[in-house]
Amino acid sequence: MPDENVPPGQKRFARGVWDGDFLPEVSLGNGIISPFVTLSLEPMELGLCTEKPFENYPSWAERMLALRDAPEIGPLRLAYWETLLRSADERASAKNHTTITK
């Protein structure tokens, strides 16, 4: 974001998420546990990733372009899916915010 402060000593950051941030273990329900993970923001870079765990994987932009250009998906279906995902995210964020402020 334009007004986002550059964290000292960090090479990658986006919307308050910093490369190397930790996500704790969390229960997803039905006995499924998501393990503790360290976030890597390398896929947001352009070009082939060079660091583990994304070594030799294409960047996020390259993967999205491949989806857009795939005959079975295409730009309209990809835009539709993005709209659904963003709408669900906004609703969940608004619902969570309402719960916290009460």
PDB file of N, CA and C in Angstrom:
ATOM      1  N   MET A   1       0.846  -1.176   0.000  1.00  0.00           N
ATOM      2  CA  MET A   1       0.000   0.000   0.000  1.00  0.00           C
ATOM      3  C   MET A   1       0.896   1.246   0.000  1.00  0.00           C
ATOM      4  N   PRO A   2       0.424   2.328  -0.562  1.00  0.00           N
ATOM      5  CA  PRO A   2       1.258   3.532  -0.668  1.00  0.00           C
ATOM      6  C   PRO A   2       1.744   4.072   0.675  1.00  0.00           C
ATOM      7  N   ASP A   3       0.932   3.969   1.729  1.00  0.00           N
ATOM      8  CA  ASP A   3       1.332   4.524   3.027  1.00  0.00           C
ATOM      9  C   ASP A   3       1.934   3.484   3.973  1.00  0.00           C
ATOM     10  N   GLU A   4       2.207   2.295   3.459  1.00  0.00           N
ATOM     11  CA  GLU A   4       2.767   1.230   4.290  1.00  0.00           C
ATOM     12  C   GLU A   4       4.232   1.512   4.584  1.00  0.00           C
ATOM     13  N   ASN A   5       4.612   1.365   5.849  1.00  0.00           N
ATOM     14  CA  ASN A   5       6.003   1.586   6.245  1.00  0.00           C
ATOM     15  C   ASN A   5       6.844   0.370   5.915  1.00  0.00           C
ATOM     16  N   VAL A   6       8.044   0.606   5.414  1.00  0.00           N
ATOM     17  CA  VAL A   6       8.967  -0.484   5.110  1.00  0.00           C
ATOM     18  C   VAL A   6       9.557  -0.983   6.430  1.00  0.00           C
ATOM     19  N   PRO A   7       9.339  -2.251   6.771  1.00  0.00           N
ATOM     20  CA  PRO A   7       9.905  -2.776   8.005  1.00  0.00           C
ATOM     21  C   PRO A   7      11.427  -2.830   7.921  1.00  0.00           C
ATOM     22  N   PRO A   8      12.124  -2.408   8.956  1.00  0.00           N
ATOM     23  CA  PRO A   8      13.588  -2.437   8.910  1.00  0.00           C
ATOM     24  C   PRO A   8      14.116  -3.862   8.819  1.00  0.00           C
ATOM     25  N   GLY A   9      15.040  -4.078   7.897  1.00  0.00           N
ATOM     26  CA  GLY A   9      15.675  -5.382   7.756  1.00  0.00           C
ATOM     27  C   GLY A   9      14.843  -6.422   7.029  1.00  0.00           C
ATOM     28  N   GLN A  10      13.667  -6.077   6.574  1.00  0.00           N
ATOM     29  CA  GLN A  10      12.822  -7.033   5.861  1.00  0.00           C
ATOM     30  C   GLN A  10      12.901  -6.758   4.366  1.00  0.00           C
ATOM     31  N   LYS A  11      13.037  -7.808   3.557  1.00  0.00           N
ATOM     32  CA  LYS A  11      13.105  -7.571   2.124  1.00  0.00           C
ATOM     33  C   LYS A  11      11.752  -7.729   1.438  1.00  0.00           C
ATOM     34  N   ARG A  12      10.812  -8.434   2.063  1.00  0.00           N
ATOM     35  CA  ARG A  12       9.492  -8.600   1.459  1.00  0.00           C
ATOM     36  C   ARG A  12       8.405  -8.340   2.505  1.00  0.00           C
ATOM     37  N   PHE A  13       7.391  -7.591   2.110  1.00  0.00           N
ATOM     38  CA  PHE A  13       6.238  -7.364   2.964  1.00  0.00           C
ATOM     39  C   PHE A  13       5.068  -6.952   2.086  1.00  0.00           C
ATOM     40  N   ALA A  14       3.867  -7.241   2.547  1.00  0.00           N
ATOM     41  CA  ALA A  14       2.669  -6.880   1.799  1.00  0.00           C
ATOM     42  C   ALA A  14       1.482  -6.794   2.746  1.00  0.00           C
ATOM     43  N   ARG A  15       0.899  -5.613   2.842  1.00  0.00           N
ATOM     44  CA  ARG A  15      -0.313  -5.401   3.646  1.00  0.00           C
ATOM     45  C   ARG A  15      -0.183  -5.936   5.066  1.00  0.00           C
ATOM     46  N   GLY A  16       0.901  -5.623   5.717  1.00  0.00           N
ATOM     47  CA  GLY A  16       1.084  -6.030   7.098  1.00  0.00           C
ATOM     48  C   GLY A  16       1.605  -7.444   7.298  1.00  0.00           C
ATOM     49  N   VAL A  17       1.807  -8.184   6.222  1.00  0.00           N
ATOM     50  CA  VAL A  17       2.368  -9.538   6.314  1.00  0.00           C
ATOM     51  C   VAL A  17       3.833  -9.441   5.917  1.00  0.00           C
ATOM     52  N   TRP A  18       4.704  -9.934   6.772  1.00  0.00           N
ATOM     53  CA  TRP A  18       6.133  -9.846   6.521  1.00  0.00           C
ATOM     54  C   TRP A  18       6.702 -11.222   6.246  1.00  0.00           C
ATOM     55  N   ASP A  19       7.674 -11.264   5.357  1.00  0.00           N
ATOM     56  CA  ASP A  19       8.390 -12.497   5.067  1.00  0.00           C
ATOM     57  C   ASP A  19       8.964 -13.040   6.370  1.00  0.00           C
ATOM     58  N   GLY A  20       8.691 -14.302   6.666  1.00  0.00           N
ATOM     59  CA  GLY A  20       9.199 -14.911   7.894  1.00  0.00           C
ATOM     60  C   GLY A  20       8.222 -14.864   9.055  1.00  0.00           C
ATOM     61  N   ASP A  21       7.034 -14.243   8.881  1.00  0.00           N
ATOM     62  CA  ASP A  21       6.021 -14.265   9.938  1.00  0.00           C
ATOM     63  C   ASP A  21       5.639 -15.708  10.240  1.00  0.00           C
ATOM     64  N   PHE A  22       5.147 -15.948  11.447  1.00  0.00           N
ATOM     65  CA  PHE A  22       4.755 -17.290  11.866  1.00  0.00           C
ATOM     66  C   PHE A  22       3.239 -17.386  11.976  1.00  0.00           C
ATOM     67  N   LEU A  23       2.695 -18.517  11.576  1.00  0.00           N
ATOM     68  CA  LEU A  23       1.280 -18.839  11.790  1.00  0.00           C
ATOM     69  C   LEU A  23       1.237 -20.021  12.742  1.00  0.00           C
ATOM     70  N   PRO A  24       0.507 -19.893  13.847  1.00  0.00           N
ATOM     71  CA  PRO A  24       0.462 -20.993  14.805  1.00  0.00           C
ATOM     72  C   PRO A  24      -0.366 -22.166  14.293  1.00  0.00           C
ATOM     73  N   GLU A  25      -0.194 -23.309  14.935  1.00  0.00           N
ATOM     74  CA  GLU A  25      -1.013 -24.476  14.637  1.00  0.00           C
ATOM     75  C   GLU A  25      -2.466 -24.114  14.933  1.00  0.00           C
ATOM     76  N   VAL A  26      -3.385 -24.577  14.080  1.00  0.00           N
ATOM     77  CA  VAL A  26      -4.801 -24.253  14.285  1.00  0.00           C
ATOM     78  C   VAL A  26      -5.670 -25.445  13.887  1.00  0.00           C
ATOM     79  N   SER A  27      -6.751 -25.627  14.632  1.00  0.00           N
ATOM     80  CA  SER A  27      -7.705 -26.692  14.321  1.00  0.00           C
ATOM     81  C   SER A  27      -8.659 -26.188  13.243  1.00  0.00           C
ATOM     82  N   LEU A  28      -8.825 -26.979  12.180  1.00  0.00           N
ATOM     83  CA  LEU A  28      -9.727 -26.631  11.095  1.00  0.00           C
ATOM     84  C   LEU A  28     -11.065 -27.349  11.233  1.00  0.00           C
ATOM     85  N   GLY A  29     -11.228 -28.115  12.298  1.00  0.00           N
ATOM     86  CA  GLY A  29     -12.454 -28.872  12.519  1.00  0.00           C
ATOM     87  C   GLY A  29     -12.331 -30.295  12.024  1.00  0.00           C
ATOM     88  N   ASN A  30     -13.213 -31.157  12.479  1.00  0.00           N
ATOM     89  CA  ASN A  30     -13.217 -32.571  12.097  1.00  0.00           C
ATOM     90  C   ASN A  30     -11.877 -33.257  12.352  1.00  0.00           C
ATOM     91  N   GLY A  31     -11.155 -32.809  13.375  1.00  0.00           N
ATOM     92  CA  GLY A  31      -9.886 -33.429  13.717  1.00  0.00           C
ATOM     93  C   GLY A  31      -8.718 -33.043  12.804  1.00  0.00           C
ATOM     94  N   ILE A  32      -8.931 -32.100  11.897  1.00  0.00           N
ATOM     95  CA  ILE A  32      -7.869 -31.664  10.984  1.00  0.00           C
ATOM     96  C   ILE A  32      -7.111 -30.509  11.631  1.00  0.00           C
ATOM     97  N   ILE A  33      -5.809 -30.676  11.729  1.00  0.00           N
ATOM     98  CA  ILE A  33      -4.954 -29.657  12.341  1.00  0.00           C
ATOM     99  C   ILE A  33      -4.004 -29.104  11.278  1.00  0.00           C
ATOM    100  N   SER A  34      -4.012 -27.788  11.129  1.00  0.00           N
ATOM    101  CA  SER A  34      -3.042 -27.137  10.243  1.00  0.00           C
ATOM    102  C   SER A  34      -1.791 -26.888  11.079  1.00  0.00           C
ATOM    103  N   PRO A  35      -0.627 -27.366  10.639  1.00  0.00           N
ATOM    104  CA  PRO A  35       0.583 -27.234  11.455  1.00  0.00           C
ATOM    105  C   PRO A  35       1.116 -25.806  11.481  1.00  0.00           C
ATOM    106  N   PHE A  36       1.971 -25.535  12.444  1.00  0.00           N
ATOM    107  CA  PHE A  36       2.705 -24.277  12.547  1.00  0.00           C
ATOM    108  C   PHE A  36       3.510 -24.074  11.259  1.00  0.00           C
ATOM    109  N   VAL A  37       3.478 -22.872  10.691  1.00  0.00           N
ATOM    110  CA  VAL A  37       4.234 -22.600   9.469  1.00  0.00           C
ATOM    111  C   VAL A  37       4.924 -21.239   9.550  1.00  0.00           C
ATOM    112  N   THR A  38       6.022 -21.132   8.836  1.00  0.00           N
ATOM    113  CA  THR A  38       6.709 -19.860   8.642  1.00  0.00           C
ATOM    114  C   THR A  38       6.365 -19.383   7.241  1.00  0.00           C
ATOM    115  N   LEU A  39       5.851 -18.166   7.135  1.00  0.00           N
ATOM    116  CA  LEU A  39       5.431 -17.644   5.834  1.00  0.00           C
ATOM    117  C   LEU A  39       6.606 -17.214   4.982  1.00  0.00           C
ATOM    118  N   SER A  40       6.528 -17.531   3.705  1.00  0.00           N
ATOM    119  CA  SER A  40       7.498 -17.055   2.723  1.00  0.00           C
ATOM    120  C   SER A  40       6.732 -16.243   1.690  1.00  0.00           C
ATOM    121  N   LEU A  41       7.167 -15.025   1.453  1.00  0.00           N
ATOM    122  CA  LEU A  41       6.532 -14.166   0.448  1.00  0.00           C
ATOM    123  C   LEU A  41       7.285 -14.196  -0.872  1.00  0.00           C
ATOM    124  N   GLU A  42       8.173 -15.150  -1.043  1.00  0.00           N
ATOM    125  CA  GLU A  42       8.929 -15.224  -2.288  1.00  0.00           C
ATOM    126  C   GLU A  42       8.043 -15.338  -3.525  1.00  0.00           C
ATOM    127  N   PRO A  43       6.913 -16.081  -3.483  1.00  0.00           N
ATOM    128  CA  PRO A  43       6.098 -16.182  -4.698  1.00  0.00           C
ATOM    129  C   PRO A  43       5.562 -14.841  -5.213  1.00  0.00           C
ATOM    130  N   MET A  44       5.573 -13.781  -4.381  1.00  0.00           N
ATOM    131  CA  MET A  44       5.089 -12.487  -4.870  1.00  0.00           C
ATOM    132  C   MET A  44       6.109 -11.798  -5.779  1.00  0.00           C
ATOM    133  N   GLU A  45       7.336 -12.283  -5.812  1.00  0.00           N
ATOM    134  CA  GLU A  45       8.365 -11.734  -6.695  1.00  0.00           C
ATOM    135  C   GLU A  45       8.106 -12.178  -8.132  1.00  0.00           C
ATOM    136  N   LEU A  46       8.626 -11.442  -9.073  1.00  0.00           N
ATOM    137  CA  LEU A  46       8.527 -11.847 -10.470  1.00  0.00           C
ATOM    138  C   LEU A  46       9.646 -12.829 -10.782  1.00  0.00           C
ATOM    139  N   GLY A  47       9.353 -13.804 -11.616  1.00  0.00           N
ATOM    140  CA  GLY A  47      10.375 -14.758 -12.025  1.00  0.00           C
ATOM    141  C   GLY A  47      10.362 -16.022 -11.201  1.00  0.00           C
ATOM    142  N   LEU A  48      11.228 -16.932 -11.571  1.00  0.00           N
ATOM    143  CA  LEU A  48      11.323 -18.234 -10.924  1.00  0.00           C
ATOM    144  C   LEU A  48      11.803 -18.082  -9.483  1.00  0.00           C
ATOM    145  N   CYS A  49      11.130 -18.763  -8.552  1.00  0.00           N
ATOM    146  CA  CYS A  49      11.515 -18.706  -7.141  1.00  0.00           C
ATOM    147  C   CYS A  49      12.833 -19.459  -6.939  1.00  0.00           C
ATOM    148  N   THR A  50      13.644 -18.966  -6.006  1.00  0.00           N
ATOM    149  CA  THR A  50      14.949 -19.574  -5.771  1.00  0.00           C
ATOM    150  C   THR A  50      15.143 -20.064  -4.341  1.00  0.00           C
ATOM    151  N   GLU A  51      14.217 -19.713  -3.431  1.00  0.00           N
ATOM    152  CA  GLU A  51      14.366 -20.088  -2.029  1.00  0.00           C
ATOM    153  C   GLU A  51      13.402 -21.202  -1.648  1.00  0.00           C
ATOM    154  N   LYS A  52      13.808 -22.042  -0.697  1.00  0.00           N
ATOM    155  CA  LYS A  52      12.933 -23.097  -0.189  1.00  0.00           C
ATOM    156  C   LYS A  52      11.808 -22.455   0.593  1.00  0.00           C
ATOM    157  N   PRO A  53      10.585 -22.942   0.579  1.00  0.00           N
ATOM    158  CA  PRO A  53      10.122 -24.188  -0.009  1.00  0.00           C
ATOM    159  C   PRO A  53       9.619 -24.037  -1.450  1.00  0.00           C
ATOM    160  N   PHE A  54       9.812 -22.878  -2.069  1.00  0.00           N
ATOM    161  CA  PHE A  54       9.272 -22.628  -3.411  1.00  0.00           C
ATOM    162  C   PHE A  54      10.320 -22.710  -4.510  1.00  0.00           C
ATOM    163  N   GLU A  55      11.476 -23.287  -4.214  1.00  0.00           N
ATOM    164  CA  GLU A  55      12.576 -23.377  -5.168  1.00  0.00           C
ATOM    165  C   GLU A  55      12.107 -23.985  -6.492  1.00  0.00           C
ATOM    166  N   ASN A  56      12.413 -23.299  -7.592  1.00  0.00           N
ATOM    167  CA  ASN A  56      12.075 -23.706  -8.962  1.00  0.00           C
ATOM    168  C   ASN A  56      10.585 -23.655  -9.294  1.00  0.00           C
ATOM    169  N   TYR A  57       9.788 -23.000  -8.462  1.00  0.00           N
ATOM    170  CA  TYR A  57       8.371 -22.791  -8.769  1.00  0.00           C
ATOM    171  C   TYR A  57       8.215 -21.432  -9.445  1.00  0.00           C
ATOM    172  N   PRO A  58       7.215 -21.286 -10.314  1.00  0.00           N
ATOM    173  CA  PRO A  58       6.990 -19.977 -10.938  1.00  0.00           C
ATOM    174  C   PRO A  58       6.431 -18.987  -9.913  1.00  0.00           C
ATOM    175  N   SER A  59       6.551 -17.703 -10.215  1.00  0.00           N
ATOM    176  CA  SER A  59       6.027 -16.661  -9.334  1.00  0.00           C
ATOM    177  C   SER A  59       4.501 -16.695  -9.347  1.00  0.00           C
ATOM    178  N   TRP A  60       3.898 -15.965  -8.410  1.00  0.00           N
ATOM    179  CA  TRP A  60       2.444 -15.879  -8.345  1.00  0.00           C
ATOM    180  C   TRP A  60       1.894 -15.315  -9.652  1.00  0.00           C
ATOM    181  N   ALA A  61       2.507 -14.262 -10.160  1.00  0.00           N
ATOM    182  CA  ALA A  61       2.031 -13.642 -11.408  1.00  0.00           C
ATOM    183  C   ALA A  61       2.075 -14.635 -12.568  1.00  0.00           C
ATOM    184  N   GLU A  62       3.152 -15.399 -12.661  1.00  0.00           N
ATOM    185  CA  GLU A  62       3.264 -16.396 -13.732  1.00  0.00           C
ATOM    186  C   GLU A  62       2.190 -17.472 -13.600  1.00  0.00           C
ATOM    187  N   ARG A  63       1.904 -17.888 -12.367  1.00  0.00           N
ATOM    188  CA  ARG A  63       0.867 -18.899 -12.163  1.00  0.00           C
ATOM    189  C   ARG A  63      -0.515 -18.362 -12.537  1.00  0.00           C
ATOM    190  N   MET A  64      -0.787 -17.099 -12.208  1.00  0.00           N
ATOM    191  CA  MET A  64      -2.088 -16.509 -12.538  1.00  0.00           C
ATOM    192  C   MET A  64      -2.236 -16.324 -14.052  1.00  0.00           C
ATOM    193  N   LEU A  65      -1.154 -15.950 -14.715  1.00  0.00           N
ATOM    194  CA  LEU A  65      -1.202 -15.825 -16.174  1.00  0.00           C
ATOM    195  C   LEU A  65      -1.450 -17.177 -16.831  1.00  0.00           C
ATOM    196  N   ALA A  66      -0.866 -18.225 -16.268  1.00  0.00           N
ATOM    197  CA  ALA A  66      -1.093 -19.571 -16.811  1.00  0.00           C
ATOM    198  C   ALA A  66      -2.559 -19.978 -16.637  1.00  0.00           C
ATOM    199  N   LEU A  67      -3.162 -19.636 -15.491  1.00  0.00           N
ATOM    200  CA  LEU A  67      -4.588 -19.925 -15.296  1.00  0.00           C
ATOM    201  C   LEU A  67      -5.441 -19.138 -16.286  1.00  0.00           C
ATOM    202  N   ARG A  68      -5.105 -17.859 -16.437  1.00  0.00           N
ATOM    203  CA  ARG A  68      -5.856 -17.020 -17.363  1.00  0.00           C
ATOM    204  C   ARG A  68      -5.807 -17.564 -18.785  1.00  0.00           C
ATOM    205  N   ASP A  69      -4.655 -18.058 -19.191  1.00  0.00           N
ATOM    206  CA  ASP A  69      -4.460 -18.523 -20.561  1.00  0.00           C
ATOM    207  C   ASP A  69      -4.862 -19.979 -20.787  1.00  0.00           C
ATOM    208  N   ALA A  70      -5.194 -20.699 -19.721  1.00  0.00           N
ATOM    209  CA  ALA A  70      -5.597 -22.105 -19.853  1.00  0.00           C
ATOM    210  C   ALA A  70      -6.962 -22.171 -20.535  1.00  0.00           C
ATOM    211  N   PRO A  71      -7.101 -22.992 -21.590  1.00  0.00           N
ATOM    212  CA  PRO A  71      -8.368 -23.039 -22.319  1.00  0.00           C
ATOM    213  C   PRO A  71      -9.558 -23.458 -21.456  1.00  0.00           C
ATOM    214  N   GLU A  72      -9.328 -24.306 -20.454  1.00  0.00           N
ATOM    215  CA  GLU A  72     -10.437 -24.762 -19.624  1.00  0.00           C
ATOM    216  C   GLU A  72     -10.832 -23.756 -18.545  1.00  0.00           C
ATOM    217  N   ILE A  73     -10.048 -22.690 -18.357  1.00  0.00           N
ATOM    218  CA  ILE A  73     -10.373 -21.676 -17.346  1.00  0.00           C
ATOM    219  C   ILE A  73     -10.651 -20.336 -18.032  1.00  0.00           C
ATOM    220  N   GLY A  74      -9.614 -19.698 -18.528  1.00  0.00           N
ATOM    221  CA  GLY A  74      -9.789 -18.442 -19.261  1.00  0.00           C
ATOM    222  C   GLY A  74     -10.022 -17.242 -18.355  1.00  0.00           C
ATOM    223  N   PRO A  75      -9.995 -16.045 -18.930  1.00  0.00           N
ATOM    224  CA  PRO A  75     -10.078 -14.816 -18.138  1.00  0.00           C
ATOM    225  C   PRO A  75     -11.438 -14.603 -17.459  1.00  0.00           C
ATOM    226  N   LEU A  76     -12.536 -14.977 -18.102  1.00  0.00           N
ATOM    227  CA  LEU A  76     -13.847 -14.724 -17.503  1.00  0.00           C
ATOM    228  C   LEU A  76     -14.099 -15.615 -16.293  1.00  0.00           C
ATOM    229  N   ARG A  77     -13.786 -16.895 -16.410  1.00  0.00           N
ATOM    230  CA  ARG A  77     -13.970 -17.806 -15.273  1.00  0.00           C
ATOM    231  C   ARG A  77     -13.029 -17.417 -14.133  1.00  0.00           C
ATOM    232  N   LEU A  78     -11.803 -17.045 -14.449  1.00  0.00           N
ATOM    233  CA  LEU A  78     -10.858 -16.628 -13.419  1.00  0.00           C
ATOM    234  C   LEU A  78     -11.361 -15.369 -12.707  1.00  0.00           C
ATOM    235  N   ALA A  79     -11.895 -14.405 -13.452  1.00  0.00           N
ATOM    236  CA  ALA A  79     -12.450 -13.189 -12.857  1.00  0.00           C
ATOM    237  C   ALA A  79     -13.648 -13.510 -11.967  1.00  0.00           C
ATOM    238  N   TYR A  80     -14.494 -14.440 -12.412  1.00  0.00           N
ATOM    239  CA  TYR A  80     -15.653 -14.860 -11.620  1.00  0.00           C
ATOM    240  C   TYR A  80     -15.204 -15.473 -10.295  1.00  0.00           C
ATOM    241  N   TRP A  81     -14.229 -16.379 -10.347  1.00  0.00           N
ATOM    242  CA  TRP A  81     -13.727 -17.010  -9.125  1.00  0.00           C
ATOM    243  C   TRP A  81     -13.113 -15.973  -8.179  1.00  0.00           C
ATOM    244  N   GLU A  82     -12.373 -15.028  -8.744  1.00  0.00           N
ATOM    245  CA  GLU A  82     -11.774 -13.985  -7.907  1.00  0.00           C
ATOM    246  C   GLU A  82     -12.861 -13.162  -7.227  1.00  0.00           C
ATOM    247  N   THR A  83     -13.923 -12.846  -7.948  1.00  0.00           N
ATOM    248  CA  THR A  83     -15.033 -12.088  -7.378  1.00  0.00           C
ATOM    249  C   THR A  83     -15.683 -12.854  -6.234  1.00  0.00           C
ATOM    250  N   LEU A  84     -15.910 -14.149  -6.416  1.00  0.00           N
ATOM    251  CA  LEU A  84     -16.487 -14.959  -5.343  1.00  0.00           C
ATOM    252  C   LEU A  84     -15.584 -14.976  -4.110  1.00  0.00           C
ATOM    253  N   LEU A  85     -14.295 -15.165  -4.341  1.00  0.00           N
ATOM    254  CA  LEU A  85     -13.344 -15.224  -3.237  1.00  0.00           C
ATOM    255  C   LEU A  85     -13.268 -13.894  -2.498  1.00  0.00           C
ATOM    256  N   ARG A  86     -13.201 -12.808  -3.227  1.00  0.00           N
ATOM    257  CA  ARG A  86     -13.115 -11.486  -2.592  1.00  0.00           C
ATOM    258  C   ARG A  86     -14.383 -11.164  -1.819  1.00  0.00           C
ATOM    259  N   SER A  87     -15.530 -11.520  -2.381  1.00  0.00           N
ATOM    260  CA  SER A  87     -16.806 -11.283  -1.704  1.00  0.00           C
ATOM    261  C   SER A  87     -16.874 -12.074  -0.400  1.00  0.00           C
ATOM    262  N   ALA A  88     -16.492 -13.338  -0.459  1.00  0.00           N
ATOM    263  CA  ALA A  88     -16.493 -14.175   0.748  1.00  0.00           C
ATOM    264  C   ALA A  88     -15.529 -13.620   1.791  1.00  0.00           C
ATOM    265  N   ASP A  89     -14.357 -13.152   1.351  1.00  0.00           N
ATOM    266  CA  ASP A  89     -13.372 -12.588   2.267  1.00  0.00           C
ATOM    267  C   ASP A  89     -13.916 -11.321   2.933  1.00  0.00           C
ATOM    268  N   GLU A  90     -14.553 -10.450   2.152  1.00  0.00           N
ATOM    269  CA  GLU A  90     -15.118  -9.223   2.712  1.00  0.00           C
ATOM    270  C   GLU A  90     -16.217  -9.537   3.726  1.00  0.00           C
ATOM    271  N   ARG A  91     -17.075 -10.496   3.405  1.00  0.00           N
ATOM    272  CA  ARG A  91     -18.147 -10.866   4.334  1.00  0.00           C
ATOM    273  C   ARG A  91     -17.582 -11.452   5.625  1.00  0.00           C
ATOM    274  N   ALA A  92     -16.603 -12.332   5.488  1.00  0.00           N
ATOM    275  CA  ALA A  92     -16.003 -12.942   6.682  1.00  0.00           C
ATOM    276  C   ALA A  92     -15.278 -11.893   7.513  1.00  0.00           C
ATOM    277  N   SER A  93     -14.582 -10.978   6.865  1.00  0.00           N
ATOM    278  CA  SER A  93     -13.869  -9.922   7.592  1.00  0.00           C
ATOM    279  C   SER A  93     -14.847  -9.005   8.307  1.00  0.00           C
ATOM    280  N   ALA A  94     -15.944  -8.641   7.653  1.00  0.00           N
ATOM    281  CA  ALA A  94     -16.944  -7.772   8.266  1.00  0.00           C
ATOM    282  C   ALA A  94     -17.603  -8.481   9.447  1.00  0.00           C
ATOM    283  N   LYS A  95     -17.905  -9.759   9.284  1.00  0.00           N
ATOM    284  CA  LYS A  95     -18.527 -10.525  10.357  1.00  0.00           C
ATOM    285  C   LYS A  95     -17.585 -10.640  11.549  1.00  0.00           C
ATOM    286  N   ASN A  96     -16.325 -10.910  11.307  1.00  0.00           N
ATOM    287  CA  ASN A  96     -15.331 -11.017  12.363  1.00  0.00           C
ATOM    288  C   ASN A  96     -15.145  -9.675  13.060  1.00  0.00           C
ATOM    289  N   HIS A  97     -15.115  -8.589  12.305  1.00  0.00           N
ATOM    290  CA  HIS A  97     -14.932  -7.262  12.881  1.00  0.00           C
ATOM    291  C   HIS A  97     -16.109  -6.908  13.773  1.00  0.00           C
ATOM    292  N   THR A  98     -17.329  -7.225  13.350  1.00  0.00           N
ATOM    293  CA  THR A  98     -18.525  -6.954  14.142  1.00  0.00           C
ATOM    294  C   THR A  98     -18.486  -7.721  15.456  1.00  0.00           C
ATOM    295  N   THR A  99     -18.050  -8.969  15.394  1.00  0.00           N
ATOM    296  CA  THR A  99     -17.976  -9.804  16.589  1.00  0.00           C
ATOM    297  C   THR A  99     -16.973  -9.245  17.582  1.00  0.00           C
ATOM    298  N   ILE A 100     -15.846  -8.787  17.105  1.00  0.00           N
ATOM    299  CA  ILE A 100     -14.778  -8.292  17.980  1.00  0.00           C
ATOM    300  C   ILE A 100     -15.186  -6.996  18.672  1.00  0.00           C
ATOM    301  N   THR A 101     -15.887  -6.109  17.971  1.00  0.00           N
ATOM    302  CA  THR A 101     -16.189  -4.798  18.515  1.00  0.00           C
ATOM    303  C   THR A 101     -17.369  -4.803  19.477  1.00  0.00           C
ATOM    304  N   LYS A 102     -18.145  -5.867  19.544  1.00  0.00           N
ATOM    305  CA  LYS A 102     -19.307  -5.899  20.437  1.00  0.00           C
ATOM    306  C   LYS A 102     -18.900  -6.084  21.872  1.00  0.00           C
TER     307      LYS A 102
END
